[in-house]
PDB file of N, CA and C in Angstrom:
ATOM      1  N   UNK A   1       0.851  -1.175   0.000  1.00  0.00           N
ATOM      2  CA  UNK A   1       0.000   0.000   0.000  1.00  0.00           C
ATOM      3  C   UNK A   1       0.897   1.238   0.000  1.00  0.00           C
ATOM      4  N   UNK A   2       0.420   2.306  -0.628  1.00  0.00           N
ATOM      5  CA  UNK A   2       1.158   3.560  -0.698  1.00  0.00           C
ATOM      6  C   UNK A   2       0.449   4.629   0.124  1.00  0.00           C
ATOM      7  N   UNK A   3       1.115   5.775   0.289  1.00  0.00           N
ATOM      8  CA  UNK A   3       0.495   6.900   0.998  1.00  0.00           C
ATOM      9  C   UNK A   3      -0.755   7.368   0.249  1.00  0.00           C
ATOM     10  N   UNK A   4      -0.713   7.361  -1.087  1.00  0.00           N
ATOM     11  CA  UNK A   4      -1.876   7.771  -1.877  1.00  0.00           C
ATOM     12  C   UNK A   4      -3.045   6.809  -1.652  1.00  0.00           C
ATOM     13  N   UNK A   5      -2.755   5.516  -1.597  1.00  0.00           N
ATOM     14  CA  UNK A   5      -3.815   4.531  -1.334  1.00  0.00           C
ATOM     15  C   UNK A   5      -4.371   4.721   0.073  1.00  0.00           C
ATOM     16  N   UNK A   6      -3.510   5.008   1.007  1.00  0.00           N
ATOM     17  CA  UNK A   6      -3.944   5.260   2.383  1.00  0.00           C
ATOM     18  C   UNK A   6      -4.850   6.489   2.425  1.00  0.00           C
ATOM     19  N   UNK A   7      -4.464   7.551   1.720  1.00  0.00           N
ATOM     20  CA  UNK A   7      -5.272   8.779   1.681  1.00  0.00           C
ATOM     21  C   UNK A   7      -6.613   8.552   1.004  1.00  0.00           C
ATOM     22  N   UNK A   8      -6.690   7.569   0.117  1.00  0.00           N
ATOM     23  CA  UNK A   8      -7.944   7.271  -0.573  1.00  0.00           C
ATOM     24  C   UNK A   8      -8.942   6.481   0.254  1.00  0.00           C
ATOM     25  N   UNK A   9      -8.500   5.970   1.388  1.00  0.00           N
ATOM     26  CA  UNK A   9      -9.404   5.223   2.271  1.00  0.00           C
ATOM     27  C   UNK A   9     -10.252   6.174   3.099  1.00  0.00           C
ATOM     28  N   UNK A  10     -11.318   5.657   3.682  1.00  0.00           N
ATOM     29  CA  UNK A  10     -12.199   6.424   4.569  1.00  0.00           C
ATOM     30  C   UNK A  10     -12.079   5.880   5.979  1.00  0.00           C
ATOM     31  N   UNK A  11     -12.209   6.746   6.947  1.00  0.00           N
ATOM     32  CA  UNK A  11     -12.190   6.330   8.351  1.00  0.00           C
ATOM     33  C   UNK A  11     -13.416   5.486   8.655  1.00  0.00           C
ATOM     34  N   UNK A  12     -13.247   4.537   9.558  1.00  0.00           N
ATOM     35  CA  UNK A  12     -14.321   3.645   9.986  1.00  0.00           C
ATOM     36  C   UNK A  12     -14.732   4.011  11.414  1.00  0.00           C
ATOM     37  N   UNK A  13     -15.988   3.774  11.732  1.00  0.00           N
ATOM     38  CA  UNK A  13     -16.516   4.149  13.048  1.00  0.00           C
ATOM     39  C   UNK A  13     -15.877   3.334  14.171  1.00  0.00           C
ATOM     40  N   UNK A  14     -15.680   2.057  13.957  1.00  0.00           N
ATOM     41  CA  UNK A  14     -15.136   1.203  15.016  1.00  0.00           C
ATOM     42  C   UNK A  14     -13.965   0.418  14.439  1.00  0.00           C
ATOM     43  N   UNK A  15     -12.811   0.621  15.031  1.00  0.00           N
ATOM     44  CA  UNK A  15     -11.608  -0.077  14.598  1.00  0.00           C
ATOM     45  C   UNK A  15     -10.838  -0.580  15.809  1.00  0.00           C
ATOM     46  N   UNK A  16     -10.126  -1.677  15.648  1.00  0.00           N
ATOM     47  CA  UNK A  16      -9.233  -2.105  16.730  1.00  0.00           C
ATOM     48  C   UNK A  16      -7.968  -1.242  16.717  1.00  0.00           C
ATOM     49  N   UNK A  17      -7.211  -1.310  17.787  1.00  0.00           N
ATOM     50  CA  UNK A  17      -5.924  -0.629  17.825  1.00  0.00           C
ATOM     51  C   UNK A  17      -5.003  -1.246  16.784  1.00  0.00           C
ATOM     52  N   UNK A  18      -4.179  -0.435  16.178  1.00  0.00           N
ATOM     53  CA  UNK A  18      -3.198  -0.936  15.219  1.00  0.00           C
ATOM     54  C   UNK A  18      -2.107  -1.690  15.979  1.00  0.00           C
ATOM     55  N   UNK A  19      -1.641  -2.768  15.393  1.00  0.00           N
ATOM     56  CA  UNK A  19      -0.542  -3.530  16.005  1.00  0.00           C
ATOM     57  C   UNK A  19       0.771  -2.779  15.778  1.00  0.00           C
ATOM     58  N   UNK A  20       1.789  -3.179  16.503  1.00  0.00           N
ATOM     59  CA  UNK A  20       3.105  -2.583  16.321  1.00  0.00           C
ATOM     60  C   UNK A  20       3.603  -2.722  14.899  1.00  0.00           C
ATOM     61  N   UNK A  21       3.356  -3.874  14.280  1.00  0.00           N
ATOM     62  CA  UNK A  21       3.767  -4.095  12.883  1.00  0.00           C
ATOM     63  C   UNK A  21       2.991  -3.187  11.937  1.00  0.00           C
ATOM     64  N   UNK A  22       1.681  -3.037  12.178  1.00  0.00           N
ATOM     65  CA  UNK A  22       0.867  -2.153  11.341  1.00  0.00           C
ATOM     66  C   UNK A  22       1.331  -0.704  11.469  1.00  0.00           C
ATOM     67  N   UNK A  23       1.632  -0.284  12.685  1.00  0.00           N
ATOM     68  CA  UNK A  23       2.104   1.086  12.913  1.00  0.00           C
ATOM     69  C   UNK A  23       3.414   1.318  12.156  1.00  0.00           C
ATOM     70  N   UNK A  24       4.346   0.398  12.261  1.00  0.00           N
ATOM     71  CA  UNK A  24       5.635   0.544  11.573  1.00  0.00           C
ATOM     72  C   UNK A  24       5.447   0.589  10.057  1.00  0.00           C
ATOM     73  N   UNK A  25       4.568  -0.267   9.535  1.00  0.00           N
ATOM     74  CA  UNK A  25       4.324  -0.319   8.087  1.00  0.00           C
ATOM     75  C   UNK A  25       3.706   0.980   7.583  1.00  0.00           C
ATOM     76  N   UNK A  26       2.683   1.478   8.286  1.00  0.00           N
ATOM     77  CA  UNK A  26       2.013   2.702   7.838  1.00  0.00           C
ATOM     78  C   UNK A  26       2.887   3.926   8.075  1.00  0.00           C
ATOM     79  N   UNK A  27       3.629   3.943   9.154  1.00  0.00           N
ATOM     80  CA  UNK A  27       4.527   5.069   9.442  1.00  0.00           C
ATOM     81  C   UNK A  27       5.578   5.206   8.349  1.00  0.00           C
ATOM     82  N   UNK A  28       6.039   4.100   7.806  1.00  0.00           N
ATOM     83  CA  UNK A  28       7.037   4.126   6.729  1.00  0.00           C
ATOM     84  C   UNK A  28       6.492   4.793   5.466  1.00  0.00           C
ATOM     85  N   UNK A  29       5.179   4.842   5.312  1.00  0.00           N
ATOM     86  CA  UNK A  29       4.556   5.480   4.146  1.00  0.00           C
ATOM     87  C   UNK A  29       4.372   6.977   4.331  1.00  0.00           C
ATOM     88  N   UNK A  30       4.609   7.469   5.541  1.00  0.00           N
ATOM     89  CA  UNK A  30       4.298   8.865   5.865  1.00  0.00           C
ATOM     90  C   UNK A  30       5.544   9.599   6.363  1.00  0.00           C
ATOM     91  N   UNK A  31       6.419  10.013   5.460  1.00  0.00           N
ATOM     92  CA  UNK A  31       7.627  10.740   5.880  1.00  0.00           C
ATOM     93  C   UNK A  31       7.268  11.991   6.686  1.00  0.00           C
ATOM     94  N   UNK A  32       8.032  12.237   7.716  1.00  0.00           N
ATOM     95  CA  UNK A  32       7.804  13.414   8.557  1.00  0.00           C
ATOM     96  C   UNK A  32       6.947  13.138   9.782  1.00  0.00           C
ATOM     97  N   UNK A  33       6.191  12.054   9.769  1.00  0.00           N
ATOM     98  CA  UNK A  33       5.353  11.700  10.897  1.00  0.00           C
ATOM     99  C   UNK A  33       6.139  10.809  11.850  1.00  0.00           C
ATOM    100  N   UNK A  34       5.849  10.937  13.134  1.00  0.00           N
ATOM    101  CA  UNK A  34       6.491  10.099  14.156  1.00  0.00           C
ATOM    102  C   UNK A  34       5.475   9.816  15.246  1.00  0.00           C
ATOM    103  N   UNK A  35       5.702   8.760  15.977  1.00  0.00           N
ATOM    104  CA  UNK A  35       4.864   8.470  17.141  1.00  0.00           C
ATOM    105  C   UNK A  35       5.571   9.066  18.350  1.00  0.00           C
ATOM    106  N   UNK A  36       4.905  10.026  18.985  1.00  0.00           N
ATOM    107  CA  UNK A  36       5.432  10.691  20.177  1.00  0.00           C
ATOM    108  C   UNK A  36       4.362  10.651  21.255  1.00  0.00           C
ATOM    109  N   UNK A  37       4.724  10.144  22.400  1.00  0.00           N
ATOM    110  CA  UNK A  37       3.782  10.040  23.521  1.00  0.00           C
ATOM    111  C   UNK A  37       2.486   9.348  23.105  1.00  0.00           C
ATOM    112  N   UNK A  38       2.597   8.324  22.266  1.00  0.00           N
ATOM    113  CA  UNK A  38       1.443   7.543  21.857  1.00  0.00           C
ATOM    114  C   UNK A  38       0.576   8.180  20.794  1.00  0.00           C
ATOM    115  N   UNK A  39       1.012   9.318  20.243  1.00  0.00           N
ATOM    116  CA  UNK A  39       0.228  10.006  19.218  1.00  0.00           C
ATOM    117  C   UNK A  39       1.034  10.114  17.932  1.00  0.00           C
ATOM    118  N   UNK A  40       0.353  10.017  16.815  1.00  0.00           N
ATOM    119  CA  UNK A  40       0.956  10.206  15.507  1.00  0.00           C
ATOM    120  C   UNK A  40       1.088  11.709  15.293  1.00  0.00           C
ATOM    121  N   UNK A  41       2.325  12.188  15.134  1.00  0.00           N
ATOM    122  CA  UNK A  41       2.603  13.621  15.218  1.00  0.00           C
ATOM    123  C   UNK A  41       3.449  14.111  14.050  1.00  0.00           C
ATOM    124  N   UNK A  42       3.123  15.300  13.552  1.00  0.00           N
ATOM    125  CA  UNK A  42       3.957  15.973  12.557  1.00  0.00           C
ATOM    126  C   UNK A  42       3.751  17.472  12.659  1.00  0.00           C
ATOM    127  N   UNK A  43       4.824  18.223  12.477  1.00  0.00           N
ATOM    128  CA  UNK A  43       4.762  19.676  12.408  1.00  0.00           C
ATOM    129  C   UNK A  43       4.811  20.133  10.959  1.00  0.00           C
ATOM    130  N   UNK A  44       4.078  21.184  10.644  1.00  0.00           N
ATOM    131  CA  UNK A  44       4.030  21.757   9.306  1.00  0.00           C
ATOM    132  C   UNK A  44       4.409  23.229   9.397  1.00  0.00           C
ATOM    133  N   UNK A  45       5.300  23.683   8.508  1.00  0.00           N
ATOM    134  CA  UNK A  45       5.771  25.077   8.512  1.00  0.00           C
ATOM    135  C   UNK A  45       5.123  25.854   7.360  1.00  0.00           C
ATOM    136  N   UNK A  46       4.875  27.137   7.607  1.00  0.00           N
ATOM    137  CA  UNK A  46       4.230  28.020   6.635  1.00  0.00           C
ATOM    138  C   UNK A  46       4.958  29.357   6.599  1.00  0.00           C
ATOM    139  N   UNK A  47       4.666  30.161   5.581  1.00  0.00           N
ATOM    140  CA  UNK A  47       5.360  31.443   5.465  1.00  0.00           C
ATOM    141  C   UNK A  47       4.775  32.519   6.382  1.00  0.00           C
ATOM    142  N   UNK A  48       3.498  32.406   6.747  1.00  0.00           N
ATOM    143  CA  UNK A  48       2.885  33.427   7.601  1.00  0.00           C
ATOM    144  C   UNK A  48       1.630  32.869   8.279  1.00  0.00           C
ATOM    145  N   UNK A  49       1.011  33.712   9.077  1.00  0.00           N
ATOM    146  CA  UNK A  49      -0.166  33.290   9.848  1.00  0.00           C
ATOM    147  C   UNK A  49      -1.357  32.969   8.946  1.00  0.00           C
ATOM    148  N   UNK A  50      -1.543  33.762   7.899  1.00  0.00           N
ATOM    149  CA  UNK A  50      -2.658  33.526   6.995  1.00  0.00           C
ATOM    150  C   UNK A  50      -2.559  32.133   6.370  1.00  0.00           C
ATOM    151  N   UNK A  51      -1.375  31.778   5.892  1.00  0.00           N
ATOM    152  CA  UNK A  51      -1.184  30.467   5.272  1.00  0.00           C
ATOM    153  C   UNK A  51      -1.387  29.341   6.292  1.00  0.00           C
ATOM    154  N   UNK A  52      -0.939  29.573   7.514  1.00  0.00           N
ATOM    155  CA  UNK A  52      -1.130  28.586   8.577  1.00  0.00           C
ATOM    156  C   UNK A  52      -2.617  28.355   8.821  1.00  0.00           C
ATOM    157  N   UNK A  53      -3.373  29.438   8.945  1.00  0.00           N
ATOM    158  CA  UNK A  53      -4.805  29.300   9.227  1.00  0.00           C
ATOM    159  C   UNK A  53      -5.579  28.729   8.047  1.00  0.00           C
ATOM    160  N   UNK A  54      -5.161  29.018   6.827  1.00  0.00           N
ATOM    161  CA  UNK A  54      -5.806  28.421   5.657  1.00  0.00           C
ATOM    162  C   UNK A  54      -5.637  26.899   5.692  1.00  0.00           C
ATOM    163  N   UNK A  55      -4.438  26.453   6.054  1.00  0.00           N
ATOM    164  CA  UNK A  55      -4.181  25.018   6.183  1.00  0.00           C
ATOM    165  C   UNK A  55      -5.051  24.418   7.289  1.00  0.00           C
ATOM    166  N   UNK A  56      -5.124  25.085   8.419  1.00  0.00           N
ATOM    167  CA  UNK A  56      -5.932  24.595   9.545  1.00  0.00           C
ATOM    168  C   UNK A  56      -7.400  24.491   9.138  1.00  0.00           C
ATOM    169  N   UNK A  57      -7.903  25.470   8.406  1.00  0.00           N
ATOM    170  CA  UNK A  57      -9.293  25.413   7.956  1.00  0.00           C
ATOM    171  C   UNK A  57      -9.526  24.246   7.000  1.00  0.00           C
ATOM    172  N   UNK A  58      -8.594  23.995   6.096  1.00  0.00           N
ATOM    173  CA  UNK A  58      -8.722  22.850   5.191  1.00  0.00           C
ATOM    174  C   UNK A  58      -8.655  21.543   5.977  1.00  0.00           C
ATOM    175  N   UNK A  59      -7.768  21.487   6.954  1.00  0.00           N
ATOM    176  CA  UNK A  59      -7.646  20.305   7.811  1.00  0.00           C
ATOM    177  C   UNK A  59      -8.947  20.078   8.592  1.00  0.00           C
ATOM    178  N   UNK A  60      -9.585  21.158   9.010  1.00  0.00           N
ATOM    179  CA  UNK A  60     -10.854  21.038   9.734  1.00  0.00           C
ATOM    180  C   UNK A  60     -11.920  20.380   8.858  1.00  0.00           C
ATOM    181  N   UNK A  61     -11.916  20.683   7.569  1.00  0.00           N
ATOM    182  CA  UNK A  61     -12.865  20.058   6.646  1.00  0.00           C
ATOM    183  C   UNK A  61     -12.604  18.554   6.568  1.00  0.00           C
ATOM    184  N   UNK A  62     -11.325  18.160   6.474  1.00  0.00           N
ATOM    185  CA  UNK A  62     -10.978  16.732   6.449  1.00  0.00           C
ATOM    186  C   UNK A  62     -11.455  16.072   7.741  1.00  0.00           C
ATOM    187  N   UNK A  63     -11.185  16.703   8.875  1.00  0.00           N
ATOM    188  CA  UNK A  63     -11.584  16.155  10.182  1.00  0.00           C
ATOM    189  C   UNK A  63     -13.098  15.953  10.252  1.00  0.00           C
ATOM    190  N   UNK A  64     -13.828  16.949   9.779  1.00  0.00           N
ATOM    191  CA  UNK A  64     -15.285  16.866   9.803  1.00  0.00           C
ATOM    192  C   UNK A  64     -15.773  15.754   8.873  1.00  0.00           C
ATOM    193  N   UNK A  65     -15.226  15.690   7.673  1.00  0.00           N
ATOM    194  CA  UNK A  65     -15.633  14.686   6.688  1.00  0.00           C
ATOM    195  C   UNK A  65     -15.355  13.273   7.174  1.00  0.00           C
ATOM    196  N   UNK A  66     -14.198  13.076   7.794  1.00  0.00           N
ATOM    197  CA  UNK A  66     -13.802  11.746   8.264  1.00  0.00           C
ATOM    198  C   UNK A  66     -14.304  11.446   9.678  1.00  0.00           C
ATOM    199  N   UNK A  67     -14.836  12.451  10.365  1.00  0.00           N
ATOM    200  CA  UNK A  67     -15.272  12.325  11.757  1.00  0.00           C
ATOM    201  C   UNK A  67     -14.138  11.765  12.628  1.00  0.00           C
ATOM    202  N   UNK A  68     -12.943  12.309  12.390  1.00  0.00           N
ATOM    203  CA  UNK A  68     -11.757  11.919  13.162  1.00  0.00           C
ATOM    204  C   UNK A  68     -10.927  13.183  13.344  1.00  0.00           C
ATOM    205  N   UNK A  69     -10.791  13.614  14.590  1.00  0.00           N
ATOM    206  CA  UNK A  69     -10.296  14.954  14.875  1.00  0.00           C
ATOM    207  C   UNK A  69      -8.957  14.928  15.602  1.00  0.00           C
ATOM    208  N   UNK A  70      -7.988  15.683  15.086  1.00  0.00           N
ATOM    209  CA  UNK A  70      -6.668  15.711  15.720  1.00  0.00           C
ATOM    210  C   UNK A  70      -6.588  16.771  16.808  1.00  0.00           C
ATOM    211  N   UNK A  71      -5.528  16.689  17.554  1.00  0.00           N
ATOM    212  CA  UNK A  71      -5.126  17.758  18.464  1.00  0.00           C
ATOM    213  C   UNK A  71      -4.233  18.669  17.635  1.00  0.00           C
ATOM    214  N   UNK A  72      -4.472  19.979  17.697  1.00  0.00           N
ATOM    215  CA  UNK A  72      -3.689  20.935  16.922  1.00  0.00           C
ATOM    216  C   UNK A  72      -3.033  21.950  17.839  1.00  0.00           C
ATOM    217  N   UNK A  73      -1.797  22.288  17.529  1.00  0.00           N
ATOM    218  CA  UNK A  73      -1.122  23.419  18.147  1.00  0.00           C
ATOM    219  C   UNK A  73      -0.788  24.371  17.013  1.00  0.00           C
ATOM    220  N   UNK A  74      -1.357  25.576  17.070  1.00  0.00           N
ATOM    221  CA  UNK A  74      -1.218  26.533  15.977  1.00  0.00           C
ATOM    222  C   UNK A  74      -0.497  27.770  16.486  1.00  0.00           C
ATOM    223  N   UNK A  75       0.577  28.147  15.766  1.00  0.00           N
ATOM    224  CA  UNK A  75       1.298  29.384  16.057  1.00  0.00           C
ATOM    225  C   UNK A  75       1.338  30.214  14.777  1.00  0.00           C
ATOM    226  N   UNK A  76       2.111  31.272  14.779  1.00  0.00           N
ATOM    227  CA  UNK A  76       2.146  32.202  13.654  1.00  0.00           C
ATOM    228  C   UNK A  76       2.415  31.500  12.324  1.00  0.00           C
ATOM    229  N   UNK A  77       3.434  30.656  12.269  1.00  0.00           N
ATOM    230  CA  UNK A  77       3.797  30.033  10.995  1.00  0.00           C
ATOM    231  C   UNK A  77       4.038  28.525  11.121  1.00  0.00           C
ATOM    232  N   UNK A  78       3.346  27.899  12.054  1.00  0.00           N
ATOM    233  CA  UNK A  78       3.542  26.473  12.278  1.00  0.00           C
ATOM    234  C   UNK A  78       2.251  25.857  12.838  1.00  0.00           C
ATOM    235  N   UNK A  79       2.024  24.617  12.435  1.00  0.00           N
ATOM    236  CA  UNK A  79       0.903  23.847  12.976  1.00  0.00           C
ATOM    237  C   UNK A  79       1.418  22.449  13.285  1.00  0.00           C
ATOM    238  N   UNK A  80       1.244  22.000  14.511  1.00  0.00           N
ATOM    239  CA  UNK A  80       1.595  20.641  14.894  1.00  0.00           C
ATOM    240  C   UNK A  80       0.297  19.853  15.002  1.00  0.00           C
ATOM    241  N   UNK A  81       0.256  18.724  14.301  1.00  0.00           N
ATOM    242  CA  UNK A  81      -0.932  17.879  14.240  1.00  0.00           C
ATOM    243  C   UNK A  81      -0.631  16.583  14.987  1.00  0.00           C
ATOM    244  N   UNK A  82      -1.535  16.194  15.889  1.00  0.00           N
ATOM    245  CA  UNK A  82      -1.375  14.955  16.654  1.00  0.00           C
ATOM    246  C   UNK A  82      -2.665  14.146  16.569  1.00  0.00           C
ATOM    247  N   UNK A  83      -2.530  12.930  16.081  1.00  0.00           N
ATOM    248  CA  UNK A  83      -3.675  12.027  15.979  1.00  0.00           C
ATOM    249  C   UNK A  83      -3.529  10.868  16.950  1.00  0.00           C
ATOM    250  N   UNK A  84      -4.649  10.482  17.525  1.00  0.00           N
ATOM    251  CA  UNK A  84      -4.784   9.214  18.220  1.00  0.00           C
ATOM    252  C   UNK A  84      -6.266   8.864  18.226  1.00  0.00           C
ATOM    253  N   UNK A  85      -6.575   7.640  18.595  1.00  0.00           N
ATOM    254  CA  UNK A  85      -7.965   7.178  18.599  1.00  0.00           C
ATOM    255  C   UNK A  85      -8.350   6.852  20.028  1.00  0.00           C
ATOM    256  N   UNK A  86      -9.232   7.661  20.582  1.00  0.00           N
ATOM    257  CA  UNK A  86      -9.603   7.518  21.988  1.00  0.00           C
ATOM    258  C   UNK A  86     -10.351   6.230  22.290  1.00  0.00           C
ATOM    259  N   UNK A  87     -11.037   5.694  21.301  1.00  0.00           N
ATOM    260  CA  UNK A  87     -11.930   4.549  21.551  1.00  0.00           C
ATOM    261  C   UNK A  87     -11.238   3.184  21.507  1.00  0.00           C
ATOM    262  N   UNK A  88      -9.956   3.117  21.161  1.00  0.00           N
ATOM    263  CA  UNK A  88      -9.284   1.808  21.101  1.00  0.00           C
ATOM    264  C   UNK A  88      -8.696   1.444  22.457  1.00  0.00           C
ATOM    265  N   UNK A  89      -8.285   0.208  22.579  1.00  0.00           N
ATOM    266  CA  UNK A  89      -7.699  -0.316  23.829  1.00  0.00           C
ATOM    267  C   UNK A  89      -8.647  -0.137  25.004  1.00  0.00           C
ATOM    268  N   UNK A  90      -9.901  -0.505  24.787  1.00  0.00           N
ATOM    269  CA  UNK A  90     -10.937  -0.431  25.813  1.00  0.00           C
ATOM    270  C   UNK A  90     -11.047   0.974  26.415  1.00  0.00           C
ATOM    271  N   UNK A  91     -10.978   1.977  25.539  1.00  0.00           N
ATOM    272  CA  UNK A  91     -11.137   3.357  25.956  1.00  0.00           C
ATOM    273  C   UNK A  91      -9.878   4.015  26.489  1.00  0.00           C
ATOM    274  N   UNK A  92      -8.773   3.315  26.491  1.00  0.00           N
ATOM    275  CA  UNK A  92      -7.511   3.895  26.976  1.00  0.00           C
ATOM    276  C   UNK A  92      -6.784   4.675  25.897  1.00  0.00           C
ATOM    277  N   UNK A  93      -7.194   4.496  24.636  1.00  0.00           N
ATOM    278  CA  UNK A  93      -6.590   5.215  23.527  1.00  0.00           C
ATOM    279  C   UNK A  93      -5.413   4.478  22.923  1.00  0.00           C
ATOM    280  N   UNK A  94      -5.005   4.953  21.796  1.00  0.00           N
ATOM    281  CA  UNK A  94      -3.900   4.376  21.044  1.00  0.00           C
ATOM    282  C   UNK A  94      -4.031   4.788  19.601  1.00  0.00           C
ATOM    283  N   UNK A  95      -3.351   4.077  18.733  1.00  0.00           N
ATOM    284  CA  UNK A  95      -3.397   4.391  17.312  1.00  0.00           C
ATOM    285  C   UNK A  95      -4.225   3.355  16.563  1.00  0.00           C
ATOM    286  N   UNK A  96      -4.955   3.826  15.561  1.00  0.00           N
ATOM    287  CA  UNK A  96      -5.731   2.947  14.687  1.00  0.00           C
ATOM    288  C   UNK A  96      -5.440   3.349  13.246  1.00  0.00           C
ATOM    289  N   UNK A  97      -5.968   2.582  12.310  1.00  0.00           N
ATOM    290  CA  UNK A  97      -5.822   2.935  10.897  1.00  0.00           C
ATOM    291  C   UNK A  97      -6.340   4.338  10.615  1.00  0.00           C
ATOM    292  N   UNK A  98      -7.390   4.758  11.321  1.00  0.00           N
ATOM    293  CA  UNK A  98      -7.964   6.090  11.089  1.00  0.00           C
ATOM    294  C   UNK A  98      -6.916   7.199  11.245  1.00  0.00           C
ATOM    295  N   UNK A  99      -6.017   7.058  12.196  1.00  0.00           N
ATOM    296  CA  UNK A  99      -4.987   8.080  12.418  1.00  0.00           C
ATOM    297  C   UNK A  99      -4.084   8.191  11.197  1.00  0.00           C
ATOM    298  N   UNK A 100      -3.716   7.063  10.622  1.00  0.00           N
ATOM    299  CA  UNK A 100      -2.823   7.053   9.470  1.00  0.00           C
ATOM    300  C   UNK A 100      -3.541   7.496   8.191  1.00  0.00           C
ATOM    301  N   UNK A 101      -4.816   7.141   8.066  1.00  0.00           N
ATOM    302  CA  UNK A 101      -5.621   7.604   6.931  1.00  0.00           C
ATOM    303  C   UNK A 101      -5.681   9.127   6.939  1.00  0.00           C
ATOM    304  N   UNK A 102      -5.996   9.701   8.083  1.00  0.00           N
ATOM    305  CA  UNK A 102      -6.097  11.156   8.176  1.00  0.00           C
ATOM    306  C   UNK A 102      -4.730  11.825   7.995  1.00  0.00           C
ATOM    307  N   UNK A 103      -3.679  11.231   8.516  1.00  0.00           N
ATOM    308  CA  UNK A 103      -2.342  11.789   8.326  1.00  0.00           C
ATOM    309  C   UNK A 103      -1.993  11.850   6.838  1.00  0.00           C
ATOM    310  N   UNK A 104      -2.335  10.805   6.098  1.00  0.00           N
ATOM    311  CA  UNK A 104      -2.074  10.795   4.655  1.00  0.00           C
ATOM    312  C   UNK A 104      -2.886  11.880   3.953  1.00  0.00           C
ATOM    313  N   UNK A 105      -4.119  12.105   4.381  1.00  0.00           N
ATOM    314  CA  UNK A 105      -4.946  13.155   3.801  1.00  0.00           C
ATOM    315  C   UNK A 105      -4.366  14.541   4.122  1.00  0.00           C
ATOM    316  N   UNK A 106      -3.855  14.714   5.333  1.00  0.00           N
ATOM    317  CA  UNK A 106      -3.245  15.981   5.725  1.00  0.00           C
ATOM    318  C   UNK A 106      -1.971  16.228   4.913  1.00  0.00           C
ATOM    319  N   UNK A 107      -1.182  15.196   4.702  1.00  0.00           N
ATOM    320  CA  UNK A 107       0.006  15.332   3.845  1.00  0.00           C
ATOM    321  C   UNK A 107      -0.388  15.776   2.442  1.00  0.00           C
ATOM    322  N   UNK A 108      -1.446  15.192   1.897  1.00  0.00           N
ATOM    323  CA  UNK A 108      -1.906  15.570   0.555  1.00  0.00           C
ATOM    324  C   UNK A 108      -2.324  17.041   0.520  1.00  0.00           C
ATOM    325  N   UNK A 109      -2.993  17.508   1.566  1.00  0.00           N
ATOM    326  CA  UNK A 109      -3.353  18.931   1.652  1.00  0.00           C
ATOM    327  C   UNK A 109      -2.107  19.815   1.651  1.00  0.00           C
ATOM    328  N   UNK A 110      -1.154  19.448   2.472  1.00  0.00           N
ATOM    329  CA  UNK A 110       0.075  20.230   2.587  1.00  0.00           C
ATOM    330  C   UNK A 110       0.830  20.237   1.256  1.00  0.00           C
ATOM    331  N   UNK A 111       0.917  19.089   0.617  1.00  0.00           N
ATOM    332  CA  UNK A 111       1.612  19.006  -0.673  1.00  0.00           C
ATOM    333  C   UNK A 111       0.897  19.838  -1.734  1.00  0.00           C
ATOM    334  N   UNK A 112      -0.421  19.836  -1.710  1.00  0.00           N
ATOM    335  CA  UNK A 112      -1.203  20.624  -2.663  1.00  0.00           C
ATOM    336  C   UNK A 112      -0.939  22.109  -2.458  1.00  0.00           C
ATOM    337  N   UNK A 113      -0.842  22.519  -1.208  1.00  0.00           N
ATOM    338  CA  UNK A 113      -0.568  23.919  -0.894  1.00  0.00           C
ATOM    339  C   UNK A 113       0.803  24.320  -1.416  1.00  0.00           C
ATOM    340  N   UNK A 114       1.769  23.447  -1.258  1.00  0.00           N
ATOM    341  CA  UNK A 114       3.132  23.733  -1.677  1.00  0.00           C
ATOM    342  C   UNK A 114       3.246  23.848  -3.195  1.00  0.00           C
ATOM    343  N   UNK A 115       2.374  23.136  -3.932  1.00  0.00           N
ATOM    344  CA  UNK A 115       2.421  23.175  -5.383  1.00  0.00           C
ATOM    345  C   UNK A 115       1.700  24.373  -5.970  1.00  0.00           C
ATOM    346  N   UNK A 116       0.825  24.997  -5.180  1.00  0.00           N
ATOM    347  CA  UNK A 116       0.005  26.111  -5.689  1.00  0.00           C
ATOM    348  C   UNK A 116       0.800  27.387  -5.866  1.00  0.00           C
TER     349      UNK A 116
END
């Protein structure tokens, strides 16, 4: 599977936690992303605040469409995105395929912005 194939998938309402092997396999498809403190995390840099907020607004549309919402830290020219799935591991949280699907969609948004 590729990052593009991952981005083409849709989030599912109920998923099991991803295994360590699944996490390693999907993480390898998403350069720039890392697992930090149990969350799939990546920082994105922008030229100014307007560009940062435009990206955040586009990301909000993806979150709404997929019904899977990240934790965001937004500053003047940077946005840090952190995904995890609260409902896995009997409510203790962890990573699921949904986190990687959304990360791939966010990468596609960022790449599209860079090409414009």
